[in-house]
Every structure is written in C-alpha cells, then in structure tokens.
PDB file of N, CA and C in Angstrom:
ATOM      1  N   MET A   1    -177.389 118.606 129.270  1.00  0.00           N
ATOM      2  CA  MET A   1    -177.104 117.930 128.673  1.00  0.00           C
ATOM      3  C   MET A   1    -175.615 117.043 128.524  1.00  0.00           C
ATOM      4  N   THR A   2    -174.772 116.970 129.559  1.00  0.00           N
ATOM      5  CA  THR A   2    -174.021 115.665 128.505  1.00  0.00           C
ATOM      6  C   THR A   2    -173.378 114.758 129.855  1.00  0.00           C
ATOM      7  N   THR A   3    -174.417 115.047 130.605  1.00  0.00           N
ATOM      8  CA  THR A   3    -174.434 113.769 131.705  1.00  0.00           C
ATOM      9  C   THR A   3    -176.399 112.884 130.548  1.00  0.00           C
ATOM     10  N   VAL A   4    -176.813 113.281 130.569  1.00  0.00           N
ATOM     11  CA  VAL A   4    -177.793 112.978 129.511  1.00  0.00           C
ATOM     12  C   VAL A   4    -177.387 112.028 128.993  1.00  0.00           C
ATOM     13  N   PHE A   5    -175.841 112.518 127.897  1.00  0.00           N
ATOM     14  CA  PHE A   5    -175.729 112.075 127.162  1.00  0.00           C
ATOM     15  C   PHE A   5    -174.965 110.010 127.571  1.00  0.00           C
ATOM     16  N   LEU A   6    -174.219 111.118 128.362  1.00  0.00           N
ATOM     17  CA  LEU A   6    -173.470 109.953 129.524  1.00  0.00           C
ATOM     18  C   LEU A   6    -174.074 108.941 129.494  1.00  0.00           C
ATOM     19  N   ILE A   7    -175.280 109.368 130.182  1.00  0.00           N
ATOM     20  CA  ILE A   7    -176.271 108.257 131.243  1.00  0.00           C
ATOM     21  C   ILE A   7    -176.194 107.610 129.510  1.00  0.00           C
ATOM     22  N   THR A   8    -176.608 108.287 128.645  1.00  0.00           N
ATOM     23  CA  THR A   8    -178.049 106.869 127.321  1.00  0.00           C
ATOM     24  C   THR A   8    -176.521 106.021 126.770  1.00  0.00           C
ATOM     25  N   PHE A   9    -175.289 106.622 126.770  1.00  0.00           N
ATOM     26  CA  PHE A   9    -174.191 106.015 126.391  1.00  0.00           C
ATOM     27  C   PHE A   9    -173.840 104.815 127.276  1.00  0.00           C
ATOM     28  N   GLY A  10    -173.455 105.406 128.712  1.00  0.00           N
ATOM     29  CA  GLY A  10    -173.233 104.249 129.572  1.00  0.00           C
ATOM     30  C   GLY A  10    -174.484 103.191 128.976  1.00  0.00           C
ATOM     31  N   ILE A  11    -175.478 103.517 129.405  1.00  0.00           N
ATOM     32  CA  ILE A  11    -176.688 102.022 129.302  1.00  0.00           C
ATOM     33  C   ILE A  11    -176.731 101.389 127.757  1.00  0.00           C
ATOM     34  N   MET A  12    -176.843 102.431 126.731  1.00  0.00           N
ATOM     35  CA  MET A  12    -176.009 101.862 125.093  1.00  0.00           C
ATOM     36  C   MET A  12    -175.383 100.854 125.042  1.00  0.00           C
ATOM     37  N   LEU A  13    -173.838 101.039 126.064  1.00  0.00           N
ATOM     38  CA  LEU A  13    -172.756 100.133 126.013  1.00  0.00           C
ATOM     39  C   LEU A  13    -173.134  98.852 126.934  1.00  0.00           C
ATOM     40  N   PHE A  14    -173.245  99.162 128.269  1.00  0.00           N
ATOM     41  CA  PHE A  14    -174.596  97.850 129.001  1.00  0.00           C
ATOM     42  C   PHE A  14    -175.082  96.877 128.262  1.00  0.00           C
ATOM     43  N   VAL A  15    -175.906  97.004 127.864  1.00  0.00           N
ATOM     44  CA  VAL A  15    -177.001  97.164 126.388  1.00  0.00           C
ATOM     45  C   VAL A  15    -176.109  95.421 125.548  1.00  0.00           C
ATOM     46  N   ILE A  16    -175.107  96.937 124.984  1.00  0.00           N
ATOM     47  CA  ILE A  16    -174.363  96.254 124.041  1.00  0.00           C
ATOM     48  C   ILE A  16    -173.281  94.726 125.061  1.00  0.00           C
ATOM     49  N   THR A  17    -173.036  94.337 125.657  1.00  0.00           N
ATOM     50  CA  THR A  17    -172.175  94.124 126.840  1.00  0.00           C
ATOM     51  C   THR A  17    -172.555  92.836 127.004  1.00  0.00           C
ATOM     52  N   ILE A  18    -174.363  92.441 127.604  1.00  0.00           N
ATOM     53  CA  ILE A  18    -174.836  92.411 127.680  1.00  0.00           C
ATOM     54  C   ILE A  18    -175.412  90.990 126.735  1.00  0.00           C
ATOM     55  N   MET A  19    -175.805  91.484 125.644  1.00  0.00           N
ATOM     56  CA  MET A  19    -175.386  90.683 124.330  1.00  0.00           C
ATOM     57  C   MET A  19    -174.893  90.070 124.381  1.00  0.00           C
ATOM     58  N   ALA A  20    -173.020  90.495 124.149  1.00  0.00           N
ATOM     59  CA  ALA A  20    -172.340  90.054 123.854  1.00  0.00           C
ATOM     60  C   ALA A  20    -172.682  88.966 124.595  1.00  0.00           C
ATOM     61  N   VAL A  21    -172.080  88.586 126.207  1.00  0.00           N
ATOM     62  CA  VAL A  21    -172.367  87.853 126.607  1.00  0.00           C
ATOM     63  C   VAL A  21    -172.812  86.852 126.855  1.00  0.00           C
ATOM     64  N   GLY A  22    -174.754  87.454 125.846  1.00  0.00           N
ATOM     65  CA  GLY A  22    -174.928  86.255 125.579  1.00  0.00           C
ATOM     66  C   GLY A  22    -175.131  85.605 124.777  1.00  0.00           C
ATOM     67  N   TYR A  23    -174.986  86.460 123.286  1.00  0.00           N
ATOM     68  CA  TYR A  23    -174.104  85.152 122.515  1.00  0.00           C
ATOM     69  C   TYR A  23    -172.590  84.517 122.151  1.00  0.00           C
ATOM     70  N   ILE A  24    -172.317  84.678 122.729  1.00  0.00           N
ATOM     71  CA  ILE A  24    -171.038  84.308 124.179  1.00  0.00           C
ATOM     72  C   ILE A  24    -171.320  83.183 124.606  1.00  0.00           C
ATOM     73  N   PHE A  25    -171.800  82.542 125.515  1.00  0.00           N
ATOM     74  CA  PHE A  25    -172.395  81.169 125.995  1.00  0.00           C
ATOM     75  C   PHE A  25    -173.846  80.716 125.264  1.00  0.00           C
ATOM     76  N   GLN A  26    -174.423  81.162 124.320  1.00  0.00           N
ATOM     77  CA  GLN A  26    -175.016  80.758 124.238  1.00  0.00           C
ATOM     78  C   GLN A  26    -174.799  79.575 122.956  1.00  0.00           C
ATOM     79  N   ARG A  27    -173.375  80.099 121.930  1.00  0.00           N
ATOM     80  CA  ARG A  27    -172.791  79.734 120.515  1.00  0.00           C
ATOM     81  C   ARG A  27    -174.389  79.368 119.578  1.00  0.00           C
ATOM     82  N   LYS A  28    -174.772  80.345 119.259  1.00  0.00           N
ATOM     83  CA  LYS A  28    -175.933  80.189 118.032  1.00  0.00           C
ATOM     84  C   LYS A  28    -175.356  81.069 117.402  1.00  0.00           C
ATOM     85  N   THR A  29    -175.411  80.784 116.353  1.00  0.00           N
ATOM     86  CA  THR A  29    -175.538  81.157 114.275  1.00  0.00           C
ATOM     87  C   THR A  29    -175.920  83.099 114.765  1.00  0.00           C
ATOM     88  N   ILE A  30    -176.194  83.972 113.956  1.00  0.00           N
ATOM     89  CA  ILE A  30    -176.208  84.973 114.423  1.00  0.00           C
ATOM     90  C   ILE A  30    -177.418  84.922 112.431  1.00  0.00           C
ATOM     91  N   THR A  31    -178.789  84.886 113.101  1.00  0.00           N
ATOM     92  CA  THR A  31    -179.768  84.802 111.601  1.00  0.00           C
ATOM     93  C   THR A  31    -180.766  85.962 111.690  1.00  0.00           C
ATOM     94  N   GLY A  32    -181.324  85.914 110.206  1.00  0.00           N
ATOM     95  CA  GLY A  32    -181.866  87.277 110.330  1.00  0.00           C
ATOM     96  C   GLY A  32    -183.568  87.170 111.235  1.00  0.00           C
ATOM     97  N   SER A  33    -184.603  87.648 110.805  1.00  0.00           N
ATOM     98  CA  SER A  33    -185.935  88.054 110.709  1.00  0.00           C
ATOM     99  C   SER A  33    -186.930  86.408 110.434  1.00  0.00           C
ATOM    100  N   CYS A  34    -186.726  85.588 109.872  1.00  0.00           N
ATOM    101  CA  CYS A  34    -186.524  84.969 108.187  1.00  0.00           C
ATOM    102  C   CYS A  34    -186.147  83.622 109.135  1.00  0.00           C
ATOM    103  N   GLY A  35    -184.861  83.260 109.408  1.00  0.00           N
ATOM    104  CA  GLY A  35    -183.454  82.711 109.775  1.00  0.00           C
ATOM    105  C   GLY A  35    -182.362  82.537 109.215  1.00  0.00           C
ATOM    106  N   GLY A  36    -182.736  83.596 108.446  1.00  0.00           N
ATOM    107  CA  GLY A  36    -181.141  83.877 107.350  1.00  0.00           C
ATOM    108  C   GLY A  36    -180.719  83.122 106.593  1.00  0.00           C
ATOM    109  N   MET A  37    -179.877  82.991 105.687  1.00  0.00           N
ATOM    110  CA  MET A  37    -179.702  82.535 104.592  1.00  0.00           C
ATOM    111  C   MET A  37    -179.434  81.254 104.477  1.00  0.00           C
ATOM    112  N   SER A  38    -179.409  80.511 105.226  1.00  0.00           N
ATOM    113  CA  SER A  38    -179.252  78.655 105.888  1.00  0.00           C
ATOM    114  C   SER A  38    -180.374  78.278 105.721  1.00  0.00           C
ATOM    115  N   THR A  39    -181.808  79.399 105.241  1.00  0.00           N
ATOM    116  CA  THR A  39    -182.974  78.975 105.106  1.00  0.00           C
ATOM    117  C   THR A  39    -183.634  78.368 103.615  1.00  0.00           C
ATOM    118  N   LEU A  40    -182.651  79.961 103.156  1.00  0.00           N
ATOM    119  CA  LEU A  40    -183.003  79.055 101.379  1.00  0.00           C
ATOM    120  C   LEU A  40    -182.302  78.094 100.655  1.00  0.00           C
ATOM    121  N   GLY A  41    -181.598  77.691 102.000  1.00  0.00           N
ATOM    122  CA  GLY A  41    -180.360  76.536 100.822  1.00  0.00           C
ATOM    123  C   GLY A  41    -178.983  76.895 100.083  1.00  0.00           C
ATOM    124  N   ILE A  42    -178.876  78.292 100.780  1.00  0.00           N
ATOM    125  CA  ILE A  42    -177.338  79.332 100.385  1.00  0.00           C
ATOM    126  C   ILE A  42    -176.278  78.890 101.106  1.00  0.00           C
ATOM    127  N   LYS A  43    -175.199  77.768 100.457  1.00  0.00           N
ATOM    128  CA  LYS A  43    -174.096  77.580 101.598  1.00  0.00           C
ATOM    129  C   LYS A  43    -173.086  78.302 101.389  1.00  0.00           C
ATOM    130  N   LYS A  44    -172.460  78.757 102.501  1.00  0.00           N
ATOM    131  CA  LYS A  44    -171.618  79.521 102.570  1.00  0.00           C
ATOM    132  C   LYS A  44    -170.161  78.738 100.170  1.00  0.00           C
ATOM    133  N   VAL A  45    -169.885  79.870 100.474  1.00  0.00           N
ATOM    134  CA  VAL A  45    -168.681  79.534  99.476  1.00  0.00           C
ATOM    135  C   VAL A  45    -167.891  79.389  99.961  1.00  0.00           C
ATOM    136  N   CYS A  46    -167.407  78.182  99.099  1.00  0.00           N
ATOM    137  CA  CYS A  46    -165.535  77.657  99.621  1.00  0.00           C
ATOM    138  C   CYS A  46    -164.718  77.303  98.481  1.00  0.00           C
ATOM    139  N   ASP A  47    -163.967  78.808  98.246  1.00  0.00           N
ATOM    140  CA  ASP A  47    -162.810  78.912  97.816  1.00  0.00           C
ATOM    141  C   ASP A  47    -162.284  78.041  97.359  1.00  0.00           C
ATOM    142  N   CYS A  48    -161.710  77.128  98.616  1.00  0.00           N
ATOM    143  CA  CYS A  48    -159.830  76.177  98.145  1.00  0.00           C
ATOM    144  C   CYS A  48    -159.405  75.401  98.154  1.00  0.00           C
ATOM    145  N   ASP A  49    -158.974  75.363  97.255  1.00  0.00           N
ATOM    146  CA  ASP A  49    -159.048  73.682  96.067  1.00  0.00           C
ATOM    147  C   ASP A  49    -158.681  72.698  96.939  1.00  0.00           C
ATOM    148  N   GLU A  50    -158.774  72.728  98.609  1.00  0.00           N
ATOM    149  CA  GLU A  50    -158.510  71.708  98.857  1.00  0.00           C
ATOM    150  C   GLU A  50    -159.385  71.941 100.327  1.00  0.00           C
ATOM    151  N   PRO A  51    -160.152  71.409 100.345  1.00  0.00           N
ATOM    152  CA  PRO A  51    -160.932  71.602 101.908  1.00  0.00           C
ATOM    153  C   PRO A  51    -160.596  71.079 103.260  1.00  0.00           C
ATOM    154  N   CYS A  52    -160.712  71.620 103.815  1.00  0.00           N
ATOM    155  CA  CYS A  52    -159.888  71.349 105.318  1.00  0.00           C
ATOM    156  C   CYS A  52    -160.757  70.004 105.956  1.00  0.00           C
ATOM    157  N   GLU A  53    -159.833  69.677 107.111  1.00  0.00           N
ATOM    158  CA  GLU A  53    -161.000  68.882 107.433  1.00  0.00           C
ATOM    159  C   GLU A  53    -162.261  68.329 108.259  1.00  0.00           C
ATOM    160  N   LYS A  54    -162.414  69.326 108.827  1.00  0.00           N
ATOM    161  CA  LYS A  54    -163.940  70.563 108.913  1.00  0.00           C
ATOM    162  C   LYS A  54    -164.908  70.036 108.255  1.00  0.00           C
ATOM    163  N   ARG A  55    -164.345  70.605 107.126  1.00  0.00           N
ATOM    164  CA  ARG A  55    -165.360  70.232 105.717  1.00  0.00           C
ATOM    165  C   ARG A  55    -165.407  69.392 105.252  1.00  0.00           C
ATOM    166  N   LYS A  56    -164.132  68.263 105.461  1.00  0.00           N
ATOM    167  CA  LYS A  56    -164.490  67.339 104.491  1.00  0.00           C
ATOM    168  C   LYS A  56    -165.287  66.519 105.166  1.00  0.00           C
ATOM    169  N   GLU A  57    -165.084  66.352 106.646  1.00  0.00           N
ATOM    170  CA  GLU A  57    -166.020  65.896 107.109  1.00  0.00           C
ATOM    171  C   GLU A  57    -167.653  66.284 107.667  1.00  0.00           C
ATOM    172  N   LYS A  58    -167.879  66.686 107.298  1.00  0.00           N
ATOM    173  CA  LYS A  58    -168.893  68.039 107.093  1.00  0.00           C
ATOM    174  C   LYS A  58    -169.903  67.117 105.437  1.00  0.00           C
ATOM    175  N   MET A  59    -169.050  67.049 104.590  1.00  0.00           N
ATOM    176  CA  MET A  59    -169.330  66.432 103.000  1.00  0.00           C
ATOM    177  C   MET A  59    -169.660  64.585 102.811  1.00  0.00           C
ATOM    178  N   ARG A  60    -168.639  63.979 104.370  1.00  0.00           N
ATOM    179  CA  ARG A  60    -168.944  62.966 104.153  1.00  0.00           C
ATOM    180  C   ARG A  60    -170.455  62.816 105.056  1.00  0.00           C
ATOM    181  N   LYS A  61    -170.757  63.254 106.393  1.00  0.00           N
ATOM    182  CA  LYS A  61    -171.811  63.164 106.929  1.00  0.00           C
ATOM    183  C   LYS A  61    -172.608  62.983 106.017  1.00  0.00           C
ATOM    184  N   GLU A  62    -172.794  64.239 105.212  1.00  0.00           N
ATOM    185  CA  GLU A  62    -174.046  64.223 103.958  1.00  0.00           C
ATOM    186  C   GLU A  62    -174.327  63.277 103.348  1.00  0.00           C
ATOM    187  N   ALA A  63    -173.078  62.498 102.539  1.00  0.00           N
ATOM    188  CA  ALA A  63    -172.661  61.429 101.791  1.00  0.00           C
ATOM    189  C   ALA A  63    -173.965  60.894 102.364  1.00  0.00           C
ATOM    190  N   SER A  64    -172.908  60.282 103.562  1.00  0.00           N
ATOM    191  CA  SER A  64    -173.660  58.926 104.377  1.00  0.00           C
ATOM    192  C   SER A  64    -175.147  59.602 104.031  1.00  0.00           C
ATOM    193  N   LYS A  65    -175.507  60.028 104.928  1.00  0.00           N
ATOM    194  CA  LYS A  65    -176.887  60.453 105.197  1.00  0.00           C
ATOM    195  C   LYS A  65    -177.658  60.462 103.760  1.00  0.00           C
ATOM    196  N   ASN A  66    -177.192  61.177 102.751  1.00  0.00           N
ATOM    197  CA  ASN A  66    -177.995  60.700 101.943  1.00  0.00           C
ATOM    198  C   ASN A  66    -178.114  59.486 100.908  1.00  0.00           C
ATOM    199  N   GLN A  67    -176.613  58.503 101.514  1.00  0.00           N
ATOM    200  CA  GLN A  67    -177.288  57.522 100.572  1.00  0.00           C
ATOM    201  C   GLN A  67    -177.943  56.581 102.345  1.00  0.00           C
ATOM    202  N   LEU A  68    -177.965  57.571 102.780  1.00  0.00           N
ATOM    203  CA  LEU A  68    -178.908  55.779 103.407  1.00  0.00           C
ATOM    204  C   LEU A  68    -181.085  56.992 103.069  1.00  0.00           C
ATOM    205  N   GLU A  69    -180.778  57.976 102.643  1.00  0.00           N
ATOM    206  CA  GLU A  69    -182.245  57.805 102.187  1.00  0.00           C
ATOM    207  C   GLU A  69    -183.264  57.231 101.101  1.00  0.00           C
ATOM    208  N   ILE A  70    -181.529  56.948  99.710  1.00  0.00           N
ATOM    209  CA  ILE A  70    -181.339  56.224  99.078  1.00  0.00           C
ATOM    210  C   ILE A  70    -181.804  54.898  99.610  1.00  0.00           C
ATOM    211  N   ASP A  71    -180.443  54.187 100.258  1.00  0.00           N
ATOM    212  CA  ASP A  71    -181.021  52.986 100.960  1.00  0.00           C
ATOM    213  C   ASP A  71    -182.716  52.410 100.863  1.00  0.00           C
ATOM    214  N   ILE A  72    -182.910  53.720 101.983  1.00  0.00           N
ATOM    215  CA  ILE A  72    -184.792  53.972 102.382  1.00  0.00           C
ATOM    216  C   ILE A  72    -185.680  54.074 101.479  1.00  0.00           C
ATOM    217  N   LYS A  73    -185.608  54.336 101.031  1.00  0.00           N
ATOM    218  CA  LYS A  73    -186.480  54.745  99.818  1.00  0.00           C
ATOM    219  C   LYS A  73    -186.394  53.462  98.791  1.00  0.00           C
ATOM    220  N   GLN A  74    -185.761  52.413  98.493  1.00  0.00           N
ATOM    221  CA  GLN A  74    -185.253  51.812  97.574  1.00  0.00           C
ATOM    222  C   GLN A  74    -186.042  50.613  97.691  1.00  0.00           C
ATOM    223  N   ASN A  75    -186.158  50.507  99.602  1.00  0.00           N
ATOM    224  CA  ASN A  75    -186.449  49.319  99.591  1.00  0.00           C
ATOM    225  C   ASN A  75    -188.068  49.205 100.252  1.00  0.00           C
TER     226      ASN A  75
END
C-alpha cells in the first residue's frame, strides 16, 4: 500500500513539475477554458494614486491606438 502511494505521489509530482517548466518557458498568461476574464473586457483594478511606468506606457499606447482609429473613421 505504501509503495502504491509513493509511486502515485512521484508521478503527480513529476507531472506538476513538467507543467511548471512548460509554463515558465512559454510565458503565457493563465486563462480559463473560455479565455479568462480578459475576454469579458474586465481589466485588473489599479488602486494606485500614481500608475507605474509600465501602466503609463500601456495607457499611452491605447490612447494612440484610439486616436488612430478616430482619424481613420473621419477620413
């Protein structure tokens, strides 16, 4: 009985390790079976008074993209 438990535990540990290594190398975000909350348009809530540089850059890119879309629609 103990050997079955140890073999099962070892196999599960091996599978979890392989999954972790795969996640680390792919660097993809973890999503649910339907794509996660990002597909619903729900973004992470930022409670900071002053956004970090990474967030500011993302906001600049979104504003630039939106402005480009407005310019294209007006032409």
